[in-house]
PDB file of N, CA and C in Angstrom:
ATOM      1  N   MET A   1       8.887 -18.311  53.002  1.00  0.00           N
ATOM      2  CA  MET A   1       7.494 -18.422  52.476  1.00  0.00           C
ATOM      3  C   MET A   1       7.183 -19.746  52.338  1.00  0.00           C
ATOM      4  N   MET A   2       6.060 -20.220  52.880  1.00  0.00           N
ATOM      5  CA  MET A   2       5.519 -21.479  53.034  1.00  0.00           C
ATOM      6  C   MET A   2       5.557 -22.584  52.117  1.00  0.00           C
ATOM      7  N   ALA A   3       5.583 -22.066  50.633  1.00  0.00           N
ATOM      8  CA  ALA A   3       5.702 -22.581  49.639  1.00  0.00           C
ATOM      9  C   ALA A   3       7.023 -23.500  49.580  1.00  0.00           C
ATOM     10  N   GLY A   4       8.086 -22.658  50.024  1.00  0.00           N
ATOM     11  CA  GLY A   4       9.434 -23.284  50.018  1.00  0.00           C
ATOM     12  C   GLY A   4       9.889 -24.159  51.267  1.00  0.00           C
ATOM     13  N   SER A   5       8.907 -24.253  52.235  1.00  0.00           N
ATOM     14  CA  SER A   5       9.180 -24.979  53.334  1.00  0.00           C
ATOM     15  C   SER A   5       8.931 -26.524  53.167  1.00  0.00           C
ATOM     16  N   GLY A   6       9.204 -27.285  54.235  1.00  0.00           N
ATOM     17  CA  GLY A   6       9.018 -28.939  53.993  1.00  0.00           C
ATOM     18  C   GLY A   6       7.553 -29.068  54.583  1.00  0.00           C
ATOM     19  N   THR A   7       6.985 -28.288  54.895  1.00  0.00           N
ATOM     20  CA  THR A   7       5.329 -28.435  55.177  1.00  0.00           C
ATOM     21  C   THR A   7       4.601 -29.100  54.140  1.00  0.00           C
ATOM     22  N   ARG A   8       3.935 -30.204  54.693  1.00  0.00           N
ATOM     23  CA  ARG A   8       3.157 -31.002  53.645  1.00  0.00           C
ATOM     24  C   ARG A   8       1.925 -30.308  53.501  1.00  0.00           C
ATOM     25  N   PHE A   9       1.569 -29.999  52.159  1.00  0.00           N
ATOM     26  CA  PHE A   9       0.382 -29.606  51.702  1.00  0.00           C
ATOM     27  C   PHE A   9       0.624 -29.781  50.104  1.00  0.00           C
ATOM     28  N   ASP A  10      -0.568 -29.820  49.423  1.00  0.00           N
ATOM     29  CA  ASP A  10      -0.392 -30.184  48.077  1.00  0.00           C
ATOM     30  C   ASP A  10      -0.930 -28.905  47.160  1.00  0.00           C
ATOM     31  N   VAL A  11      -1.613 -28.022  47.693  1.00  0.00           N
ATOM     32  CA  VAL A  11      -2.480 -26.887  46.976  1.00  0.00           C
ATOM     33  C   VAL A  11      -2.375 -25.685  47.699  1.00  0.00           C
ATOM     34  N   VAL A  12      -1.879 -24.631  46.830  1.00  0.00           N
ATOM     35  CA  VAL A  12      -1.900 -23.312  47.471  1.00  0.00           C
ATOM     36  C   VAL A  12      -2.980 -22.536  46.973  1.00  0.00           C
ATOM     37  N   ALA A  13      -3.860 -22.046  48.113  1.00  0.00           N
ATOM     38  CA  ALA A  13      -5.040 -21.296  47.775  1.00  0.00           C
ATOM     39  C   ALA A  13      -5.035 -20.011  48.229  1.00  0.00           C
ATOM     40  N   HIS A  14      -5.913 -18.916  47.591  1.00  0.00           N
ATOM     41  CA  HIS A  14      -6.076 -17.722  47.714  1.00  0.00           C
ATOM     42  C   HIS A  14      -4.947 -16.921  47.561  1.00  0.00           C
ATOM     43  N   LEU A  15      -3.989 -17.325  46.573  1.00  0.00           N
ATOM     44  CA  LEU A  15      -3.125 -16.504  46.133  1.00  0.00           C
ATOM     45  C   LEU A  15      -3.671 -14.948  45.727  1.00  0.00           C
ATOM     46  N   ASP A  16      -4.713 -14.781  45.464  1.00  0.00           N
ATOM     47  CA  ASP A  16      -5.237 -13.482  45.046  1.00  0.00           C
ATOM     48  C   ASP A  16      -6.029 -12.857  46.288  1.00  0.00           C
ATOM     49  N   TYR A  17      -5.627 -13.285  47.342  1.00  0.00           N
ATOM     50  CA  TYR A  17      -6.557 -12.662  48.534  1.00  0.00           C
ATOM     51  C   TYR A  17      -6.357 -11.240  48.586  1.00  0.00           C
ATOM     52  N   ALA A  18      -5.224 -10.590  48.349  1.00  0.00           N
ATOM     53  CA  ALA A  18      -4.872  -9.337  48.379  1.00  0.00           C
ATOM     54  C   ALA A  18      -5.896  -8.450  47.451  1.00  0.00           C
ATOM     55  N   VAL A  19      -6.202  -9.176  46.330  1.00  0.00           N
ATOM     56  CA  VAL A  19      -7.162  -8.636  45.419  1.00  0.00           C
ATOM     57  C   VAL A  19      -8.428  -8.595  45.892  1.00  0.00           C
ATOM     58  N   ARG A  20      -8.878  -9.561  46.542  1.00  0.00           N
ATOM     59  CA  ARG A  20     -10.220  -9.609  47.230  1.00  0.00           C
ATOM     60  C   ARG A  20     -10.166  -8.552  48.252  1.00  0.00           C
ATOM     61  N   SER A  21      -9.207  -8.287  49.092  1.00  0.00           N
ATOM     62  CA  SER A  21      -9.416  -7.277  50.094  1.00  0.00           C
ATOM     63  C   SER A  21      -8.806  -5.960  49.776  1.00  0.00           C
ATOM     64  N   TRP A  22      -8.626  -5.772  48.574  1.00  0.00           N
ATOM     65  CA  TRP A  22      -8.181  -4.408  48.292  1.00  0.00           C
ATOM     66  C   TRP A  22      -9.211  -3.310  48.700  1.00  0.00           C
ATOM     67  N   PRO A  23      -8.772  -2.154  49.147  1.00  0.00           N
ATOM     68  CA  PRO A  23      -9.484  -1.098  49.774  1.00  0.00           C
ATOM     69  C   PRO A  23      -9.958  -0.109  48.613  1.00  0.00           C
ATOM     70  N   THR A  24     -10.786  -0.577  47.774  1.00  0.00           N
ATOM     71  CA  THR A  24     -11.240   0.168  46.523  1.00  0.00           C
ATOM     72  C   THR A  24     -11.435   1.612  46.773  1.00  0.00           C
ATOM     73  N   ALA A  25     -12.482   1.786  48.082  1.00  0.00           N
ATOM     74  CA  ALA A  25     -12.927   2.843  48.328  1.00  0.00           C
ATOM     75  C   ALA A  25     -11.780   3.966  48.764  1.00  0.00           C
ATOM     76  N   ARG A  26     -10.755   3.410  49.119  1.00  0.00           N
ATOM     77  CA  ARG A  26      -9.700   4.403  49.529  1.00  0.00           C
ATOM     78  C   ARG A  26      -8.468   4.456  48.701  1.00  0.00           C
ATOM     79  N   ALA A  27      -8.302   3.222  48.101  1.00  0.00           N
ATOM     80  CA  ALA A  27      -7.125   3.212  47.195  1.00  0.00           C
ATOM     81  C   ALA A  27      -7.381   3.244  45.688  1.00  0.00           C
ATOM     82  N   GLY A  28      -8.777   3.124  45.252  1.00  0.00           N
ATOM     83  CA  GLY A  28      -9.056   3.040  43.934  1.00  0.00           C
ATOM     84  C   GLY A  28      -8.938   1.606  43.351  1.00  0.00           C
ATOM     85  N   ALA A  29      -9.384   1.386  42.149  1.00  0.00           N
ATOM     86  CA  ALA A  29      -9.350  -0.095  41.485  1.00  0.00           C
ATOM     87  C   ALA A  29      -7.949  -0.516  41.524  1.00  0.00           C
ATOM     88  N   PHE A  30      -8.138  -1.767  41.892  1.00  0.00           N
ATOM     89  CA  PHE A  30      -6.850  -2.750  42.008  1.00  0.00           C
ATOM     90  C   PHE A  30      -6.230  -2.977  40.452  1.00  0.00           C
ATOM     91  N   ASP A  31      -5.024  -2.487  40.427  1.00  0.00           N
ATOM     92  CA  ASP A  31      -4.196  -2.770  39.186  1.00  0.00           C
ATOM     93  C   ASP A  31      -3.095  -3.839  39.701  1.00  0.00           C
ATOM     94  N   VAL A  32      -3.419  -4.973  38.842  1.00  0.00           N
ATOM     95  CA  VAL A  32      -2.762  -6.147  39.047  1.00  0.00           C
ATOM     96  C   VAL A  32      -1.286  -5.857  38.612  1.00  0.00           C
ATOM     97  N   THR A  33      -1.151  -5.122  37.607  1.00  0.00           N
ATOM     98  CA  THR A  33       0.252  -4.948  37.020  1.00  0.00           C
ATOM     99  C   THR A  33       1.023  -4.211  37.886  1.00  0.00           C
ATOM    100  N   ARG A  34       0.420  -3.487  38.923  1.00  0.00           N
ATOM    101  CA  ARG A  34       1.599  -2.959  40.056  1.00  0.00           C
ATOM    102  C   ARG A  34       2.184  -3.746  40.909  1.00  0.00           C
ATOM    103  N   PHE A  35       1.747  -5.251  40.954  1.00  0.00           N
ATOM    104  CA  PHE A  35       2.183  -6.066  41.777  1.00  0.00           C
ATOM    105  C   PHE A  35       2.518  -7.407  41.047  1.00  0.00           C
ATOM    106  N   GLU A  36       2.524  -7.230  39.782  1.00  0.00           N
ATOM    107  CA  GLU A  36       2.864  -8.557  39.031  1.00  0.00           C
ATOM    108  C   GLU A  36       4.173  -9.178  39.426  1.00  0.00           C
ATOM    109  N   ASP A  37       5.279  -8.293  39.740  1.00  0.00           N
ATOM    110  CA  ASP A  37       6.515  -9.161  40.223  1.00  0.00           C
ATOM    111  C   ASP A  37       6.281  -9.961  41.312  1.00  0.00           C
ATOM    112  N   GLY A  38       5.597  -9.386  42.311  1.00  0.00           N
ATOM    113  CA  GLY A  38       5.450 -10.015  43.546  1.00  0.00           C
ATOM    114  C   GLY A  38       4.625 -11.272  43.373  1.00  0.00           C
ATOM    115  N   PHE A  39       3.468 -11.282  42.459  1.00  0.00           N
ATOM    116  CA  PHE A  39       2.793 -12.564  42.318  1.00  0.00           C
ATOM    117  C   PHE A  39       3.636 -13.235  41.923  1.00  0.00           C
ATOM    118  N   ARG A  40       4.361 -13.054  40.537  1.00  0.00           N
ATOM    119  CA  ARG A  40       5.017 -14.192  39.808  1.00  0.00           C
ATOM    120  C   ARG A  40       6.121 -14.555  40.653  1.00  0.00           C
ATOM    121  N   GLN A  41       6.955 -13.945  41.596  1.00  0.00           N
ATOM    122  CA  GLN A  41       7.983 -14.538  42.389  1.00  0.00           C
ATOM    123  C   GLN A  41       7.033 -15.678  43.168  1.00  0.00           C
ATOM    124  N   ALA A  42       5.867 -15.331  43.839  1.00  0.00           N
ATOM    125  CA  ALA A  42       5.208 -16.270  44.508  1.00  0.00           C
ATOM    126  C   ALA A  42       4.885 -17.503  43.680  1.00  0.00           C
ATOM    127  N   MET A  43       4.552 -17.415  42.511  1.00  0.00           N
ATOM    128  CA  MET A  43       4.105 -18.375  41.681  1.00  0.00           C
ATOM    129  C   MET A  43       5.260 -19.194  41.217  1.00  0.00           C
ATOM    130  N   ARG A  44       6.559 -18.559  41.188  1.00  0.00           N
ATOM    131  CA  ARG A  44       7.614 -19.247  40.850  1.00  0.00           C
ATOM    132  C   ARG A  44       8.073 -20.277  42.196  1.00  0.00           C
ATOM    133  N   ALA A  45       7.911 -19.687  43.307  1.00  0.00           N
ATOM    134  CA  ALA A  45       8.161 -20.778  44.471  1.00  0.00           C
ATOM    135  C   ALA A  45       7.363 -21.701  44.671  1.00  0.00           C
ATOM    136  N   ILE A  46       6.084 -21.490  44.204  1.00  0.00           N
ATOM    137  CA  ILE A  46       4.985 -22.517  44.343  1.00  0.00           C
ATOM    138  C   ILE A  46       5.385 -23.716  43.178  1.00  0.00           C
ATOM    139  N   ALA A  47       5.415 -23.198  42.112  1.00  0.00           N
ATOM    140  CA  ALA A  47       5.750 -24.106  41.241  1.00  0.00           C
ATOM    141  C   ALA A  47       7.261 -25.030  41.404  1.00  0.00           C
ATOM    142  N   ARG A  48       8.126 -24.235  41.922  1.00  0.00           N
ATOM    143  CA  ARG A  48       9.482 -25.064  42.158  1.00  0.00           C
ATOM    144  C   ARG A  48       9.040 -26.313  43.252  1.00  0.00           C
ATOM    145  N   SER A  49       7.998 -25.969  44.080  1.00  0.00           N
ATOM    146  CA  SER A  49       7.845 -26.840  45.369  1.00  0.00           C
ATOM    147  C   SER A  49       6.781 -27.974  44.783  1.00  0.00           C
ATOM    148  N   GLY A  50       6.441 -27.920  43.479  1.00  0.00           N
ATOM    149  CA  GLY A  50       5.626 -28.885  43.129  1.00  0.00           C
ATOM    150  C   GLY A  50       4.301 -28.673  43.273  1.00  0.00           C
ATOM    151  N   ARG A  51       3.818 -27.933  43.939  1.00  0.00           N
ATOM    152  CA  ARG A  51       2.566 -27.908  44.606  1.00  0.00           C
ATOM    153  C   ARG A  51       1.545 -27.227  43.311  1.00  0.00           C
ATOM    154  N   ALA A  52       0.103 -27.407  43.509  1.00  0.00           N
ATOM    155  CA  ALA A  52      -0.767 -27.131  42.423  1.00  0.00           C
ATOM    156  C   ALA A  52      -1.281 -25.607  43.167  1.00  0.00           C
ATOM    157  N   LEU A  53      -1.821 -24.804  42.264  1.00  0.00           N
ATOM    158  CA  LEU A  53      -2.489 -23.645  42.682  1.00  0.00           C
ATOM    159  C   LEU A  53      -4.082 -23.638  42.387  1.00  0.00           C
ATOM    160  N   GLU A  54      -4.483 -23.223  43.630  1.00  0.00           N
ATOM    161  CA  GLU A  54      -6.255 -23.083  43.415  1.00  0.00           C
ATOM    162  C   GLU A  54      -6.755 -22.004  42.501  1.00  0.00           C
ATOM    163  N   MET A  55      -7.602 -22.239  41.822  1.00  0.00           N
ATOM    164  CA  MET A  55      -8.524 -21.301  41.015  1.00  0.00           C
ATOM    165  C   MET A  55      -9.835 -21.310  41.486  1.00  0.00           C
ATOM    166  N   SER A  56     -10.288 -20.100  41.901  1.00  0.00           N
ATOM    167  CA  SER A  56     -11.616 -19.879  42.331  1.00  0.00           C
ATOM    168  C   SER A  56     -12.427 -19.320  41.216  1.00  0.00           C
ATOM    169  N   ALA A  57     -13.540 -20.343  41.262  1.00  0.00           N
ATOM    170  CA  ALA A  57     -14.513 -20.030  40.231  1.00  0.00           C
ATOM    171  C   ALA A  57     -15.573 -18.864  40.747  1.00  0.00           C
ATOM    172  N   ALA A  58     -15.500 -18.436  41.825  1.00  0.00           N
ATOM    173  CA  ALA A  58     -16.365 -17.397  42.252  1.00  0.00           C
ATOM    174  C   ALA A  58     -15.793 -16.129  41.961  1.00  0.00           C
ATOM    175  N   LEU A  59     -14.388 -15.935  42.053  1.00  0.00           N
ATOM    176  CA  LEU A  59     -13.694 -14.797  41.586  1.00  0.00           C
ATOM    177  C   LEU A  59     -12.534 -14.756  40.798  1.00  0.00           C
ATOM    178  N   LEU A  60     -13.216 -14.892  39.607  1.00  0.00           N
ATOM    179  CA  LEU A  60     -12.181 -15.311  38.482  1.00  0.00           C
ATOM    180  C   LEU A  60     -11.011 -13.963  38.555  1.00  0.00           C
ATOM    181  N   GLN A  61      -9.889 -14.436  38.169  1.00  0.00           N
ATOM    182  CA  GLN A  61      -8.709 -13.681  38.018  1.00  0.00           C
ATOM    183  C   GLN A  61      -8.247 -14.130  36.646  1.00  0.00           C
ATOM    184  N   PRO A  62      -8.294 -13.811  35.532  1.00  0.00           N
ATOM    185  CA  PRO A  62      -7.867 -14.230  34.223  1.00  0.00           C
ATOM    186  C   PRO A  62      -6.393 -14.433  34.160  1.00  0.00           C
ATOM    187  N   TRP A  63      -5.641 -13.450  35.090  1.00  0.00           N
ATOM    188  CA  TRP A  63      -4.172 -13.140  34.771  1.00  0.00           C
ATOM    189  C   TRP A  63      -3.530 -14.551  35.660  1.00  0.00           C
ATOM    190  N   MET A  64      -4.327 -15.021  36.548  1.00  0.00           N
ATOM    191  CA  MET A  64      -3.680 -16.084  37.323  1.00  0.00           C
ATOM    192  C   MET A  64      -3.176 -17.558  36.570  1.00  0.00           C
ATOM    193  N   PRO A  65      -4.007 -18.089  36.013  1.00  0.00           N
ATOM    194  CA  PRO A  65      -3.702 -19.084  35.303  1.00  0.00           C
ATOM    195  C   PRO A  65      -2.751 -18.945  33.940  1.00  0.00           C
ATOM    196  N   ARG A  66      -2.601 -17.815  33.678  1.00  0.00           N
ATOM    197  CA  ARG A  66      -1.716 -17.462  32.406  1.00  0.00           C
ATOM    198  C   ARG A  66      -0.375 -17.238  33.049  1.00  0.00           C
ATOM    199  N   TRP A  67      -0.240 -16.400  34.218  1.00  0.00           N
ATOM    200  CA  TRP A  67       1.025 -16.222  34.718  1.00  0.00           C
ATOM    201  C   TRP A  67       1.507 -17.510  35.457  1.00  0.00           C
ATOM    202  N   TRP A  68       0.597 -18.233  36.198  1.00  0.00           N
ATOM    203  CA  TRP A  68       1.002 -19.442  36.713  1.00  0.00           C
ATOM    204  C   TRP A  68       1.736 -20.429  35.686  1.00  0.00           C
ATOM    205  N   ALA A  69       1.106 -20.533  34.506  1.00  0.00           N
ATOM    206  CA  ALA A  69       1.769 -21.382  33.401  1.00  0.00           C
ATOM    207  C   ALA A  69       3.030 -20.738  33.062  1.00  0.00           C
ATOM    208  N   GLU A  70       3.171 -19.488  32.791  1.00  0.00           N
ATOM    209  CA  GLU A  70       4.224 -18.863  32.350  1.00  0.00           C
ATOM    210  C   GLU A  70       5.536 -19.185  33.464  1.00  0.00           C
ATOM    211  N   GLU A  71       5.098 -19.020  34.787  1.00  0.00           N
ATOM    212  CA  GLU A  71       5.977 -19.250  35.753  1.00  0.00           C
ATOM    213  C   GLU A  71       6.486 -20.715  36.204  1.00  0.00           C
ATOM    214  N   GLY A  72       5.876 -21.723  35.465  1.00  0.00           N
ATOM    215  CA  GLY A  72       6.289 -23.217  35.607  1.00  0.00           C
ATOM    216  C   GLY A  72       5.223 -23.933  36.272  1.00  0.00           C
ATOM    217  N   GLY A  73       4.138 -23.309  36.785  1.00  0.00           N
ATOM    218  CA  GLY A  73       2.981 -24.147  37.294  1.00  0.00           C
ATOM    219  C   GLY A  73       2.546 -25.194  36.324  1.00  0.00           C
ATOM    220  N   ARG A  74       2.545 -26.400  36.834  1.00  0.00           N
ATOM    221  CA  ARG A  74       2.124 -27.498  36.162  1.00  0.00           C
ATOM    222  C   ARG A  74       0.615 -28.031  36.554  1.00  0.00           C
ATOM    223  N   ALA A  75       0.029 -27.832  37.639  1.00  0.00           N
ATOM    224  CA  ALA A  75      -1.098 -28.068  38.244  1.00  0.00           C
ATOM    225  C   ALA A  75      -2.104 -27.009  38.782  1.00  0.00           C
ATOM    226  N   VAL A  76      -3.420 -27.278  38.545  1.00  0.00           N
ATOM    227  CA  VAL A  76      -4.454 -26.340  39.196  1.00  0.00           C
ATOM    228  C   VAL A  76      -5.352 -27.267  39.761  1.00  0.00           C
ATOM    229  N   SER A  77      -5.962 -26.618  40.841  1.00  0.00           N
ATOM    230  CA  SER A  77      -7.336 -27.304  41.300  1.00  0.00           C
ATOM    231  C   SER A  77      -8.436 -26.190  41.398  1.00  0.00           C
ATOM    232  N   PHE A  78      -9.674 -26.517  41.619  1.00  0.00           N
ATOM    233  CA  PHE A  78     -10.799 -25.469  41.597  1.00  0.00           C
ATOM    234  C   PHE A  78     -11.279 -25.620  43.049  1.00  0.00           C
ATOM    235  N   ALA A  79     -11.837 -24.455  43.106  1.00  0.00           N
ATOM    236  CA  ALA A  79     -12.774 -24.087  44.307  1.00  0.00           C
ATOM    237  C   ALA A  79     -13.836 -23.147  43.881  1.00  0.00           C
ATOM    238  N   SER A  80     -14.741 -23.220  44.781  1.00  0.00           N
ATOM    239  CA  SER A  80     -15.949 -22.316  44.605  1.00  0.00           C
ATOM    240  C   SER A  80     -16.040 -20.939  45.307  1.00  0.00           C
ATOM    241  N   ASP A  81     -15.314 -21.311  46.584  1.00  0.00           N
ATOM    242  CA  ASP A  81     -15.469 -20.171  47.580  1.00  0.00           C
ATOM    243  C   ASP A  81     -16.845 -19.970  47.932  1.00  0.00           C
ATOM    244  N   ALA A  82     -17.867 -21.040  47.802  1.00  0.00           N
ATOM    245  CA  ALA A  82     -19.299 -20.911  47.996  1.00  0.00           C
ATOM    246  C   ALA A  82     -19.239 -21.043  49.536  1.00  0.00           C
ATOM    247  N   HIS A  83     -20.127 -20.053  50.142  1.00  0.00           N
ATOM    248  CA  HIS A  83     -20.309 -20.022  51.593  1.00  0.00           C
ATOM    249  C   HIS A  83     -21.910 -20.298  51.780  1.00  0.00           C
ATOM    250  N   VAL A  84     -22.573 -20.611  50.634  1.00  0.00           N
ATOM    251  CA  VAL A  84     -24.047 -21.173  50.709  1.00  0.00           C
ATOM    252  C   VAL A  84     -24.162 -22.112  49.802  1.00  0.00           C
ATOM    253  N   PRO A  85     -24.809 -23.159  50.016  1.00  0.00           N
ATOM    254  CA  PRO A  85     -25.174 -24.137  48.938  1.00  0.00           C
ATOM    255  C   PRO A  85     -25.409 -23.972  47.479  1.00  0.00           C
ATOM    256  N   ASP A  86     -26.287 -22.828  47.547  1.00  0.00           N
ATOM    257  CA  ASP A  86     -26.472 -22.485  46.054  1.00  0.00           C
ATOM    258  C   ASP A  86     -25.419 -21.907  45.433  1.00  0.00           C
ATOM    259  N   ALA A  87     -24.450 -21.395  45.823  1.00  0.00           N
ATOM    260  CA  ALA A  87     -23.483 -20.728  45.084  1.00  0.00           C
ATOM    261  C   ALA A  87     -22.354 -21.836  44.923  1.00  0.00           C
ATOM    262  N   LEU A  88     -22.364 -22.977  45.197  1.00  0.00           N
ATOM    263  CA  LEU A  88     -21.439 -24.170  44.836  1.00  0.00           C
ATOM    264  C   LEU A  88     -21.654 -24.381  43.067  1.00  0.00           C
ATOM    265  N   GLY A  89     -20.201 -24.228  42.785  1.00  0.00           N
ATOM    266  CA  GLY A  89     -20.283 -24.463  41.354  1.00  0.00           C
ATOM    267  C   GLY A  89     -20.386 -23.317  40.236  1.00  0.00           C
ATOM    268  N   VAL A  90     -21.164 -22.032  40.981  1.00  0.00           N
ATOM    269  CA  VAL A  90     -21.410 -20.799  40.265  1.00  0.00           C
ATOM    270  C   VAL A  90     -20.172 -20.438  39.316  1.00  0.00           C
ATOM    271  N   ARG A  91     -20.240 -20.221  38.054  1.00  0.00           N
ATOM    272  CA  ARG A  91     -19.155 -19.950  37.143  1.00  0.00           C
ATOM    273  C   ARG A  91     -17.999 -20.802  37.025  1.00  0.00           C
ATOM    274  N   PHE A  92     -18.488 -22.178  37.363  1.00  0.00           N
ATOM    275  CA  PHE A  92     -17.376 -23.152  37.203  1.00  0.00           C
ATOM    276  C   PHE A  92     -16.878 -23.346  35.593  1.00  0.00           C
ATOM    277  N   GLY A  93     -17.818 -23.067  34.790  1.00  0.00           N
ATOM    278  CA  GLY A  93     -17.705 -23.274  33.158  1.00  0.00           C
ATOM    279  C   GLY A  93     -16.614 -22.121  32.879  1.00  0.00           C
ATOM    280  N   GLU A  94     -16.820 -20.928  33.154  1.00  0.00           N
ATOM    281  CA  GLU A  94     -15.884 -19.767  32.985  1.00  0.00           C
ATOM    282  C   GLU A  94     -14.461 -19.956  33.699  1.00  0.00           C
ATOM    283  N   ALA A  95     -14.370 -20.873  34.643  1.00  0.00           N
ATOM    284  CA  ALA A  95     -12.832 -20.902  35.270  1.00  0.00           C
ATOM    285  C   ALA A  95     -12.500 -22.082  34.651  1.00  0.00           C
ATOM    286  N   VAL A  96     -13.024 -23.086  34.085  1.00  0.00           N
ATOM    287  CA  VAL A  96     -12.684 -24.162  33.170  1.00  0.00           C
ATOM    288  C   VAL A  96     -12.073 -23.526  31.964  1.00  0.00           C
ATOM    289  N   ALA A  97     -12.685 -22.808  31.249  1.00  0.00           N
ATOM    290  CA  ALA A  97     -12.306 -22.079  30.017  1.00  0.00           C
ATOM    291  C   ALA A  97     -11.107 -21.197  30.362  1.00  0.00           C
ATOM    292  N   MET A  98     -11.142 -20.713  31.468  1.00  0.00           N
ATOM    293  CA  MET A  98      -9.869 -19.841  31.721  1.00  0.00           C
ATOM    294  C   MET A  98      -8.553 -20.735  31.816  1.00  0.00           C
ATOM    295  N   VAL A  99      -8.670 -21.806  32.513  1.00  0.00           N
ATOM    296  CA  VAL A  99      -7.339 -22.460  32.856  1.00  0.00           C
ATOM    297  C   VAL A  99      -7.266 -23.431  31.667  1.00  0.00           C
ATOM    298  N   GLU A 100      -8.129 -23.684  30.664  1.00  0.00           N
ATOM    299  CA  GLU A 100      -7.944 -24.416  29.697  1.00  0.00           C
ATOM    300  C   GLU A 100      -7.245 -23.491  28.451  1.00  0.00           C
ATOM    301  N   ALA A 101      -7.484 -22.127  28.793  1.00  0.00           N
ATOM    302  CA  ALA A 101      -6.769 -21.187  27.784  1.00  0.00           C
ATOM    303  C   ALA A 101      -5.344 -21.113  27.945  1.00  0.00           C
ATOM    304  N   ALA A 102      -4.900 -21.480  29.277  1.00  0.00           N
ATOM    305  CA  ALA A 102      -3.474 -21.310  29.932  1.00  0.00           C
ATOM    306  C   ALA A 102      -2.809 -22.867  29.696  1.00  0.00           C
ATOM    307  N   GLY A 103      -3.678 -23.827  28.859  1.00  0.00           N
ATOM    308  CA  GLY A 103      -2.842 -25.245  28.656  1.00  0.00           C
ATOM    309  C   GLY A 103      -3.170 -26.134  29.608  1.00  0.00           C
ATOM    310  N   PHE A 104      -3.940 -25.943  30.508  1.00  0.00           N
ATOM    311  CA  PHE A 104      -4.393 -27.114  31.590  1.00  0.00           C
ATOM    312  C   PHE A 104      -5.535 -27.948  31.082  1.00  0.00           C
ATOM    313  N   ARG A 105      -5.364 -29.292  31.561  1.00  0.00           N
ATOM    314  CA  ARG A 105      -6.328 -30.185  30.827  1.00  0.00           C
ATOM    315  C   ARG A 105      -6.710 -31.085  32.188  1.00  0.00           C
ATOM    316  N   PRO A 106      -7.781 -31.665  32.313  1.00  0.00           N
ATOM    317  CA  PRO A 106      -8.486 -32.529  33.438  1.00  0.00           C
ATOM    318  C   PRO A 106      -7.695 -33.923  33.435  1.00  0.00           C
ATOM    319  N   GLY A 107      -7.731 -34.263  34.660  1.00  0.00           N
ATOM    320  CA  GLY A 107      -7.287 -35.540  34.802  1.00  0.00           C
ATOM    321  C   GLY A 107      -8.102 -36.834  34.419  1.00  0.00           C
ATOM    322  N   ALA A 108      -7.963 -38.014  34.768  1.00  0.00           N
ATOM    323  CA  ALA A 108      -8.752 -39.317  34.417  1.00  0.00           C
ATOM    324  C   ALA A 108      -9.908 -39.174  35.138  1.00  0.00           C
ATOM    325  N   ARG A 109      -9.917 -38.611  36.352  1.00  0.00           N
ATOM    326  CA  ARG A 109     -10.849 -38.670  37.342  1.00  0.00           C
ATOM    327  C   ARG A 109     -11.552 -37.164  37.513  1.00  0.00           C
ATOM    328  N   PRO A 110     -12.751 -37.082  37.915  1.00  0.00           N
ATOM    329  CA  PRO A 110     -13.042 -35.822  38.142  1.00  0.00           C
ATOM    330  C   PRO A 110     -12.296 -35.032  39.361  1.00  0.00           C
ATOM    331  N   GLU A 111     -11.811 -35.839  40.302  1.00  0.00           N
ATOM    332  CA  GLU A 111     -11.413 -35.135  41.445  1.00  0.00           C
ATOM    333  C   GLU A 111      -9.782 -34.740  41.321  1.00  0.00           C
ATOM    334  N   ASP A 112      -9.436 -35.386  40.089  1.00  0.00           N
ATOM    335  CA  ASP A 112      -7.516 -35.196  39.857  1.00  0.00           C
ATOM    336  C   ASP A 112      -7.570 -33.673  39.722  1.00  0.00           C
ATOM    337  N   LEU A 113      -6.187 -33.322  39.653  1.00  0.00           N
ATOM    338  CA  LEU A 113      -5.702 -32.073  39.411  1.00  0.00           C
ATOM    339  C   LEU A 113      -5.877 -31.837  37.907  1.00  0.00           C
ATOM    340  N   TRP A 114      -5.913 -30.682  37.731  1.00  0.00           N
ATOM    341  CA  TRP A 114      -5.716 -30.329  36.116  1.00  0.00           C
ATOM    342  C   TRP A 114      -4.326 -30.143  36.152  1.00  0.00           C
ATOM    343  N   ARG A 115      -3.842 -30.731  34.623  1.00  0.00           N
ATOM    344  CA  ARG A 115      -2.296 -30.419  34.515  1.00  0.00           C
ATOM    345  C   ARG A 115      -1.992 -29.995  33.131  1.00  0.00           C
ATOM    346  N   ARG A 116      -0.687 -29.571  32.864  1.00  0.00           N
ATOM    347  CA  ARG A 116      -0.275 -29.276  31.723  1.00  0.00           C
ATOM    348  C   ARG A 116       0.976 -29.871  31.439  1.00  0.00           C
TER     349      ARG A 116
END
């Protein structure tokens, strides 16, 4: 897994990509609990590497910051996944509330990672 490698990067993004790409029409609604162990294993590896996990404000996954904290994650970053300028920052307030509920707090500067 890339998180366990020596490759230099600080933030893991799109951990929820499988959720976004789930074939709902063919497979039904995505049930994250069916895949919880796999997500948690990945989160543990990322946490052990000291990297942050990106939280998408556009596609909020309330289980992500909670599981991330439970698996030892210490830092998060935010992204909007905006593909057009008007979408930048949409639902950011909800994303902030979500990570704060998991114990993460802002750094001293706006661009800092949020930590717990």
